[in-house]
């Protein structure tokens, strides 16, 4: 028969996407926090407590690049940014 196509969609929530991408690669959130020049607990607070409300565009890009996650692989960054 024909080949089967399997799509793996990244979660829209950047917190879930970051946690899953880091786990797949075997990186801790503390190491990733230091990589973006933040205190070791920075990304753990983002993932677990929602602080900050959104990662900066630069942090999101650096993490996406490091984790080989692609443009939307860490979720939709602007979903948590307040506009207005």
C-alpha atoms as a PDB file:
ATOM      1  CA  UNK A   1       0.000   0.000   0.000  1.00  0.00           C
ATOM      2  CA  UNK A   2       0.998   3.653   0.223  1.00  0.00           C
ATOM      3  CA  UNK A   3       3.192   5.355   2.781  1.00  0.00           C
ATOM      4  CA  UNK A   4       1.516   6.846   5.822  1.00  0.00           C
ATOM      5  CA  UNK A   5       2.024  10.465   6.669  1.00  0.00           C
ATOM      6  CA  UNK A   6       2.366  11.305  10.338  1.00  0.00           C
ATOM      7  CA  UNK A   7       2.370  14.931  11.434  1.00  0.00           C
ATOM      8  CA  UNK A   8       3.654  15.992  14.818  1.00  0.00           C
ATOM      9  CA  UNK A   9       2.262  19.371  15.786  1.00  0.00           C
ATOM     10  CA  UNK A  10       3.933  21.491  18.412  1.00  0.00           C
ATOM     11  CA  UNK A  11       1.698  22.665  21.227  1.00  0.00           C
ATOM     12  CA  UNK A  12       0.544  26.268  20.861  1.00  0.00           C
ATOM     13  CA  UNK A  13       1.345  26.928  24.524  1.00  0.00           C
ATOM     14  CA  UNK A  14       5.010  27.976  24.695  1.00  0.00           C
ATOM     15  CA  UNK A  15       5.324  26.612  28.235  1.00  0.00           C
ATOM     16  CA  UNK A  16       4.323  23.100  27.205  1.00  0.00           C
ATOM     17  CA  UNK A  17       6.366  23.290  24.002  1.00  0.00           C
ATOM     18  CA  UNK A  18       9.508  24.427  25.848  1.00  0.00           C
ATOM     19  CA  UNK A  19       9.189  21.708  28.488  1.00  0.00           C
ATOM     20  CA  UNK A  20       8.740  19.015  25.810  1.00  0.00           C
ATOM     21  CA  UNK A  21      11.560  20.285  23.557  1.00  0.00           C
ATOM     22  CA  UNK A  22      13.996  20.494  26.483  1.00  0.00           C
ATOM     23  CA  UNK A  23      13.059  16.961  27.611  1.00  0.00           C
ATOM     24  CA  UNK A  24      13.509  15.543  24.093  1.00  0.00           C
ATOM     25  CA  UNK A  25      16.980  17.042  23.916  1.00  0.00           C
ATOM     26  CA  UNK A  26      17.873  16.189  27.522  1.00  0.00           C
ATOM     27  CA  UNK A  27      18.492  19.824  28.514  1.00  0.00           C
ATOM     28  CA  UNK A  28      17.459  21.113  31.905  1.00  0.00           C
ATOM     29  CA  UNK A  29      15.532  24.356  32.224  1.00  0.00           C
ATOM     30  CA  UNK A  30      18.326  25.661  34.481  1.00  0.00           C
ATOM     31  CA  UNK A  31      20.959  25.124  31.783  1.00  0.00           C
ATOM     32  CA  UNK A  32      18.712  26.739  29.179  1.00  0.00           C
ATOM     33  CA  UNK A  33      18.111  29.694  31.511  1.00  0.00           C
ATOM     34  CA  UNK A  34      21.842  30.255  31.860  1.00  0.00           C
ATOM     35  CA  UNK A  35      22.237  29.952  28.084  1.00  0.00           C
ATOM     36  CA  UNK A  36      19.956  32.984  27.645  1.00  0.00           C
ATOM     37  CA  UNK A  37      21.819  34.902  30.393  1.00  0.00           C
ATOM     38  CA  UNK A  38      19.131  34.523  33.057  1.00  0.00           C
ATOM     39  CA  UNK A  39      19.189  33.076  36.593  1.00  0.00           C
ATOM     40  CA  UNK A  40      18.936  29.248  36.730  1.00  0.00           C
ATOM     41  CA  UNK A  41      15.274  29.280  37.869  1.00  0.00           C
ATOM     42  CA  UNK A  42      14.050  31.681  35.177  1.00  0.00           C
ATOM     43  CA  UNK A  43      12.610  29.153  32.710  1.00  0.00           C
ATOM     44  CA  UNK A  44      11.291  26.887  35.492  1.00  0.00           C
ATOM     45  CA  UNK A  45       9.251  29.855  36.769  1.00  0.00           C
ATOM     46  CA  UNK A  46       8.076  30.570  33.204  1.00  0.00           C
ATOM     47  CA  UNK A  47       7.000  26.959  32.640  1.00  0.00           C
ATOM     48  CA  UNK A  48       5.543  26.199  36.081  1.00  0.00           C
ATOM     49  CA  UNK A  49       4.248  29.538  37.368  1.00  0.00           C
ATOM     50  CA  UNK A  50       3.672  31.589  34.229  1.00  0.00           C
ATOM     51  CA  UNK A  51       6.226  34.252  35.156  1.00  0.00           C
ATOM     52  CA  UNK A  52       7.176  36.074  33.028  1.00  0.00           C
ATOM     53  CA  UNK A  53       3.957  36.119  31.011  1.00  0.00           C
ATOM     54  CA  UNK A  54       5.958  35.765  27.774  1.00  0.00           C
ATOM     55  CA  UNK A  55       9.551  35.215  26.761  1.00  0.00           C
ATOM     56  CA  UNK A  56      11.225  38.010  24.887  1.00  0.00           C
ATOM     57  CA  UNK A  57      11.496  37.594  21.142  1.00  0.00           C
ATOM     58  CA  UNK A  58      15.273  37.199  21.504  1.00  0.00           C
ATOM     59  CA  UNK A  59      14.991  34.488  24.198  1.00  0.00           C
ATOM     60  CA  UNK A  60      12.355  32.642  22.185  1.00  0.00           C
ATOM     61  CA  UNK A  61      14.563  32.736  19.061  1.00  0.00           C
ATOM     62  CA  UNK A  62      17.719  31.620  20.897  1.00  0.00           C
ATOM     63  CA  UNK A  63      15.916  28.731  22.565  1.00  0.00           C
ATOM     64  CA  UNK A  64      14.256  27.676  19.287  1.00  0.00           C
ATOM     65  CA  UNK A  65      17.620  27.696  17.540  1.00  0.00           C
ATOM     66  CA  UNK A  66      19.383  25.761  20.307  1.00  0.00           C
ATOM     67  CA  UNK A  67      16.627  23.158  20.587  1.00  0.00           C
ATOM     68  CA  UNK A  68      16.321  22.811  16.795  1.00  0.00           C
ATOM     69  CA  UNK A  69      12.622  23.519  17.256  1.00  0.00           C
ATOM     70  CA  UNK A  70      11.993  25.575  14.137  1.00  0.00           C
ATOM     71  CA  UNK A  71      10.126  28.836  13.834  1.00  0.00           C
ATOM     72  CA  UNK A  72       6.972  27.681  15.663  1.00  0.00           C
ATOM     73  CA  UNK A  73       8.475  24.707  17.467  1.00  0.00           C
ATOM     74  CA  UNK A  74       8.303  26.394  20.858  1.00  0.00           C
ATOM     75  CA  UNK A  75       4.698  27.392  20.447  1.00  0.00           C
ATOM     76  CA  UNK A  76       3.293  30.715  19.491  1.00  0.00           C
ATOM     77  CA  UNK A  77       5.286  33.322  21.383  1.00  0.00           C
ATOM     78  CA  UNK A  78       2.804  36.168  20.943  1.00  0.00           C
ATOM     79  CA  UNK A  79      -0.079  34.202  22.430  1.00  0.00           C
ATOM     80  CA  UNK A  80       0.801  35.565  25.881  1.00  0.00           C
ATOM     81  CA  UNK A  81       1.760  39.116  24.936  1.00  0.00           C
ATOM     82  CA  UNK A  82      -0.760  41.815  25.785  1.00  0.00           C
ATOM     83  CA  UNK A  83      -1.517  44.101  22.879  1.00  0.00           C
ATOM     84  CA  UNK A  84      -2.944  47.536  23.248  1.00  0.00           C
END
